[in-house]
Amino acid sequence: MAFPINGAWHLIEHDELIAILEKHTEWLESDSWRKYGAYSAEKPNKKLVTVLQDLKL
């Protein structure tokens, strides 16, 4: 998967991203994720941004 955070693109395998989100967010507990398997956020929390830092392209 590829996605921008603060203007920088990040690249990660889907399952690896899901594992990270389980540890650092509550996104996978949202109605959106449970009903549709989708979630988006304009501003991820600082801890998640830090964890994803090494994935910048």
PDB file of N, CA and C in Angstrom:
ATOM      1  N   MET A   1       0.841  -1.161   0.000  1.00  0.00           N
ATOM      2  CA  MET A   1       0.000   0.000   0.000  1.00  0.00           C
ATOM      3  C   MET A   1       0.895   1.236   0.000  1.00  0.00           C
ATOM      4  N   ALA A   2       0.439   2.264  -0.653  1.00  0.00           N
ATOM      5  CA  ALA A   2       1.154   3.536  -0.670  1.00  0.00           C
ATOM      6  C   ALA A   2       0.183   4.623  -0.218  1.00  0.00           C
ATOM      7  N   PHE A   3       0.658   5.513   0.648  1.00  0.00           N
ATOM      8  CA  PHE A   3      -0.194   6.579   1.163  1.00  0.00           C
ATOM      9  C   PHE A   3       0.679   7.731   1.646  1.00  0.00           C
ATOM     10  N   PRO A   4       0.138   8.951   1.603  1.00  0.00           N
ATOM     11  CA  PRO A   4       0.904  10.109   2.070  1.00  0.00           C
ATOM     12  C   PRO A   4       0.646  10.393   3.557  1.00  0.00           C
ATOM     13  N   ILE A   5       1.684  10.838   4.238  1.00  0.00           N
ATOM     14  CA  ILE A   5       1.573  11.388   5.590  1.00  0.00           C
ATOM     15  C   ILE A   5       2.430  12.639   5.607  1.00  0.00           C
ATOM     16  N   ASN A   6       1.823  13.755   5.933  1.00  0.00           N
ATOM     17  CA  ASN A   6       2.543  15.040   6.007  1.00  0.00           C
ATOM     18  C   ASN A   6       3.348  15.323   4.734  1.00  0.00           C
ATOM     19  N   GLY A   7       2.771  14.983   3.584  1.00  0.00           N
ATOM     20  CA  GLY A   7       3.410  15.302   2.312  1.00  0.00           C
ATOM     21  C   GLY A   7       4.442  14.297   1.836  1.00  0.00           C
ATOM     22  N   ALA A   8       4.745  13.266   2.633  1.00  0.00           N
ATOM     23  CA  ALA A   8       5.715  12.245   2.239  1.00  0.00           C
ATOM     24  C   ALA A   8       4.987  10.927   2.007  1.00  0.00           C
ATOM     25  N   TRP A   9       5.355  10.241   0.928  1.00  0.00           N
ATOM     26  CA  TRP A   9       4.716   8.960   0.606  1.00  0.00           C
ATOM     27  C   TRP A   9       5.379   7.833   1.374  1.00  0.00           C
ATOM     28  N   HIS A  10       4.553   6.877   1.795  1.00  0.00           N
ATOM     29  CA  HIS A  10       5.001   5.711   2.550  1.00  0.00           C
ATOM     30  C   HIS A  10       4.545   4.459   1.797  1.00  0.00           C
ATOM     31  N   LEU A  11       5.336   3.387   1.880  1.00  0.00           N
ATOM     32  CA  LEU A  11       5.024   2.147   1.193  1.00  0.00           C
ATOM     33  C   LEU A  11       5.160   0.992   2.183  1.00  0.00           C
ATOM     34  N   ILE A  12       4.109   0.126   2.256  1.00  0.00           N
ATOM     35  CA  ILE A  12       4.101  -0.992   3.190  1.00  0.00           C
ATOM     36  C   ILE A  12       3.141  -2.063   2.672  1.00  0.00           C
ATOM     37  N   GLU A  13       3.412  -3.306   3.021  1.00  0.00           N
ATOM     38  CA  GLU A  13       2.494  -4.385   2.684  1.00  0.00           C
ATOM     39  C   GLU A  13       1.239  -4.262   3.546  1.00  0.00           C
ATOM     40  N   HIS A  14       0.108  -4.598   2.963  1.00  0.00           N
ATOM     41  CA  HIS A  14      -1.189  -4.452   3.633  1.00  0.00           C
ATOM     42  C   HIS A  14      -1.220  -5.128   5.007  1.00  0.00           C
ATOM     43  N   ASP A  15      -0.848  -6.390   5.086  1.00  0.00           N
ATOM     44  CA  ASP A  15      -0.938  -7.123   6.351  1.00  0.00           C
ATOM     45  C   ASP A  15      -0.018  -6.550   7.419  1.00  0.00           C
ATOM     46  N   GLU A  16       1.140  -6.054   7.007  1.00  0.00           N
ATOM     47  CA  GLU A  16       2.063  -5.421   7.951  1.00  0.00           C
ATOM     48  C   GLU A  16       1.449  -4.132   8.505  1.00  0.00           C
ATOM     49  N   LEU A  17       0.802  -3.365   7.641  1.00  0.00           N
ATOM     50  CA  LEU A  17       0.145  -2.135   8.081  1.00  0.00           C
ATOM     51  C   LEU A  17      -0.979  -2.456   9.059  1.00  0.00           C
ATOM     52  N   ILE A  18      -1.775  -3.484   8.780  1.00  0.00           N
ATOM     53  CA  ILE A  18      -2.862  -3.866   9.680  1.00  0.00           C
ATOM     54  C   ILE A  18      -2.307  -4.211  11.059  1.00  0.00           C
ATOM     55  N   ALA A  19      -1.212  -4.954  11.115  1.00  0.00           N
ATOM     56  CA  ALA A  19      -0.600  -5.317  12.393  1.00  0.00           C
ATOM     57  C   ALA A  19      -0.153  -4.071  13.162  1.00  0.00           C
ATOM     58  N   ILE A  20       0.415  -3.101  12.473  1.00  0.00           N
ATOM     59  CA  ILE A  20       0.845  -1.854  13.108  1.00  0.00           C
ATOM     60  C   ILE A  20      -0.367  -1.075  13.616  1.00  0.00           C
ATOM     61  N   LEU A  21      -1.421  -1.009  12.814  1.00  0.00           N
ATOM     62  CA  LEU A  21      -2.626  -0.279  13.217  1.00  0.00           C
ATOM     63  C   LEU A  21      -3.270  -0.910  14.437  1.00  0.00           C
ATOM     64  N   GLU A  22      -3.238  -2.231  14.529  1.00  0.00           N
ATOM     65  CA  GLU A  22      -3.789  -2.916  15.705  1.00  0.00           C
ATOM     66  C   GLU A  22      -3.070  -2.498  16.973  1.00  0.00           C
ATOM     67  N   LYS A  23      -1.762  -2.294  16.886  1.00  0.00           N
ATOM     68  CA  LYS A  23      -0.956  -1.927  18.048  1.00  0.00           C
ATOM     69  C   LYS A  23      -1.080  -0.453  18.436  1.00  0.00           C
ATOM     70  N   HIS A  24      -1.242   0.431  17.444  1.00  0.00           N
ATOM     71  CA  HIS A  24      -1.083   1.857  17.703  1.00  0.00           C
ATOM     72  C   HIS A  24      -2.324   2.714  17.488  1.00  0.00           C
ATOM     73  N   THR A  25      -3.443   2.098  17.092  1.00  0.00           N
ATOM     74  CA  THR A  25      -4.681   2.867  16.903  1.00  0.00           C
ATOM     75  C   THR A  25      -5.878   2.027  17.338  1.00  0.00           C
ATOM     76  N   GLU A  26      -7.031   2.658  17.318  1.00  0.00           N
ATOM     77  CA  GLU A  26      -8.285   1.948  17.540  1.00  0.00           C
ATOM     78  C   GLU A  26      -9.104   1.918  16.251  1.00  0.00           C
ATOM     79  N   TRP A  27      -8.468   2.205  15.134  1.00  0.00           N
ATOM     80  CA  TRP A  27      -9.154   2.312  13.851  1.00  0.00           C
ATOM     81  C   TRP A  27      -9.873   1.025  13.467  1.00  0.00           C
ATOM     82  N   LEU A  28      -9.270  -0.119  13.783  1.00  0.00           N
ATOM     83  CA  LEU A  28      -9.860  -1.393  13.359  1.00  0.00           C
ATOM     84  C   LEU A  28     -11.089  -1.760  14.193  1.00  0.00           C
ATOM     85  N   GLU A  29     -11.360  -0.972  15.211  1.00  0.00           N
ATOM     86  CA  GLU A  29     -12.557  -1.165  16.030  1.00  0.00           C
ATOM     87  C   GLU A  29     -13.688  -0.237  15.599  1.00  0.00           C
ATOM     88  N   SER A  30     -13.446   0.591  14.598  1.00  0.00           N
ATOM     89  CA  SER A  30     -14.445   1.562  14.147  1.00  0.00           C
ATOM     90  C   SER A  30     -15.566   0.880  13.364  1.00  0.00           C
ATOM     91  N   ASP A  31     -16.721   1.509  13.330  1.00  0.00           N
ATOM     92  CA  ASP A  31     -17.836   1.000  12.529  1.00  0.00           C
ATOM     93  C   ASP A  31     -17.441   0.915  11.057  1.00  0.00           C
ATOM     94  N   SER A  32     -16.708   1.903  10.585  1.00  0.00           N
ATOM     95  CA  SER A  32     -16.287   1.935   9.189  1.00  0.00           C
ATOM     96  C   SER A  32     -15.470   0.687   8.842  1.00  0.00           C
ATOM     97  N   TRP A  33     -14.526   0.337   9.687  1.00  0.00           N
ATOM     98  CA  TRP A  33     -13.691  -0.831   9.421  1.00  0.00           C
ATOM     99  C   TRP A  33     -14.505  -2.116   9.530  1.00  0.00           C
ATOM    100  N   ARG A  34     -15.307  -2.204  10.584  1.00  0.00           N
ATOM    101  CA  ARG A  34     -16.087  -3.426  10.807  1.00  0.00           C
ATOM    102  C   ARG A  34     -17.119  -3.667   9.714  1.00  0.00           C
ATOM    103  N   LYS A  35     -17.778  -2.609   9.254  1.00  0.00           N
ATOM    104  CA  LYS A  35     -18.833  -2.761   8.244  1.00  0.00           C
ATOM    105  C   LYS A  35     -18.281  -2.864   6.831  1.00  0.00           C
ATOM    106  N   TYR A  36     -17.258  -2.045   6.523  1.00  0.00           N
ATOM    107  CA  TYR A  36     -16.798  -1.915   5.137  1.00  0.00           C
ATOM    108  C   TYR A  36     -15.346  -2.329   4.905  1.00  0.00           C
ATOM    109  N   GLY A  37     -14.619  -2.610   5.985  1.00  0.00           N
ATOM    110  CA  GLY A  37     -13.209  -2.958   5.832  1.00  0.00           C
ATOM    111  C   GLY A  37     -12.370  -1.799   5.354  1.00  0.00           C
ATOM    112  N   ALA A  38     -12.806  -0.585   5.700  1.00  0.00           N
ATOM    113  CA  ALA A  38     -12.097   0.616   5.252  1.00  0.00           C
ATOM    114  C   ALA A  38     -12.081   1.660   6.361  1.00  0.00           C
ATOM    115  N   TYR A  39     -11.020   2.443   6.382  1.00  0.00           N
ATOM    116  CA  TYR A  39     -10.906   3.548   7.329  1.00  0.00           C
ATOM    117  C   TYR A  39      -9.902   4.529   6.749  1.00  0.00           C
ATOM    118  N   SER A  40     -10.138   5.793   6.954  1.00  0.00           N
ATOM    119  CA  SER A  40      -9.165   6.799   6.531  1.00  0.00           C
ATOM    120  C   SER A  40      -9.053   7.874   7.600  1.00  0.00           C
ATOM    121  N   ALA A  41      -7.905   8.513   7.627  1.00  0.00           N
ATOM    122  CA  ALA A  41      -7.663   9.576   8.597  1.00  0.00           C
ATOM    123  C   ALA A  41      -6.791  10.629   7.943  1.00  0.00           C
ATOM    124  N   GLU A  42      -7.163  11.876   8.139  1.00  0.00           N
ATOM    125  CA  GLU A  42      -6.349  12.966   7.594  1.00  0.00           C
ATOM    126  C   GLU A  42      -5.074  13.169   8.398  1.00  0.00           C
ATOM    127  N   LYS A  43      -5.153  12.984   9.710  1.00  0.00           N
ATOM    128  CA  LYS A  43      -3.996  13.199  10.575  1.00  0.00           C
ATOM    129  C   LYS A  43      -3.837  12.014  11.518  1.00  0.00           C
ATOM    130  N   PRO A  44      -2.966  11.052  11.177  1.00  0.00           N
ATOM    131  CA  PRO A  44      -2.713   9.953  12.100  1.00  0.00           C
ATOM    132  C   PRO A  44      -2.023  10.469  13.362  1.00  0.00           C
ATOM    133  N   ASN A  45      -2.182   9.742  14.474  1.00  0.00           N
ATOM    134  CA  ASN A  45      -1.581  10.195  15.726  1.00  0.00           C
ATOM    135  C   ASN A  45      -0.050  10.188  15.632  1.00  0.00           C
ATOM    136  N   LYS A  46       0.587  10.941  16.510  1.00  0.00           N
ATOM    137  CA  LYS A  46       2.045  11.125  16.460  1.00  0.00           C
ATOM    138  C   LYS A  46       2.799   9.811  16.617  1.00  0.00           C
ATOM    139  N   LYS A  47       2.315   8.929  17.473  1.00  0.00           N
ATOM    140  CA  LYS A  47       2.985   7.639  17.674  1.00  0.00           C
ATOM    141  C   LYS A  47       2.983   6.833  16.373  1.00  0.00           C
ATOM    142  N   LEU A  48       1.849   6.809  15.683  1.00  0.00           N
ATOM    143  CA  LEU A  48       1.756   6.076  14.414  1.00  0.00           C
ATOM    144  C   LEU A  48       2.683   6.694  13.364  1.00  0.00           C
ATOM    145  N   VAL A  49       2.724   7.997  13.288  1.00  0.00           N
ATOM    146  CA  VAL A  49       3.615   8.680  12.341  1.00  0.00           C
ATOM    147  C   VAL A  49       5.064   8.284  12.618  1.00  0.00           C
ATOM    148  N   THR A  50       5.437   8.221  13.880  1.00  0.00           N
ATOM    149  CA  THR A  50       6.795   7.834  14.254  1.00  0.00           C
ATOM    150  C   THR A  50       7.087   6.390  13.847  1.00  0.00           C
ATOM    151  N   VAL A  51       6.153   5.496  14.100  1.00  0.00           N
ATOM    152  CA  VAL A  51       6.324   4.091  13.748  1.00  0.00           C
ATOM    153  C   VAL A  51       6.494   3.914  12.242  1.00  0.00           C
ATOM    154  N   LEU A  52       5.757   4.701  11.470  1.00  0.00           N
ATOM    155  CA  LEU A  52       5.787   4.590  10.012  1.00  0.00           C
ATOM    156  C   LEU A  52       6.926   5.378   9.357  1.00  0.00           C
ATOM    157  N   GLN A  53       7.710   6.091  10.138  1.00  0.00           N
ATOM    158  CA  GLN A  53       8.777   6.955   9.640  1.00  0.00           C
ATOM    159  C   GLN A  53       9.738   6.223   8.709  1.00  0.00           C
ATOM    160  N   ASP A  54      10.078   4.996   9.026  1.00  0.00           N
ATOM    161  CA  ASP A  54      11.068   4.234   8.225  1.00  0.00           C
ATOM    162  C   ASP A  54      10.518   3.794   6.881  1.00  0.00           C
ATOM    163  N   LEU A  55       9.244   3.987   6.653  1.00  0.00           N
ATOM    164  CA  LEU A  55       8.612   3.537   5.406  1.00  0.00           C
ATOM    165  C   LEU A  55       8.543   4.626   4.348  1.00  0.00           C
ATOM    166  N   LYS A  56       9.080   5.792   4.655  1.00  0.00           N
ATOM    167  CA  LYS A  56       9.060   6.889   3.686  1.00  0.00           C
ATOM    168  C   LYS A  56       9.803   6.519   2.422  1.00  0.00           C
ATOM    169  N   LEU A  57       9.257   6.958   1.309  1.00  0.00           N
ATOM    170  CA  LEU A  57       9.928   6.740   0.028  1.00  0.00           C
ATOM    171  C   LEU A  57      10.876   7.876  -0.266  1.00  0.00           C
TER     172      LEU A  57
END
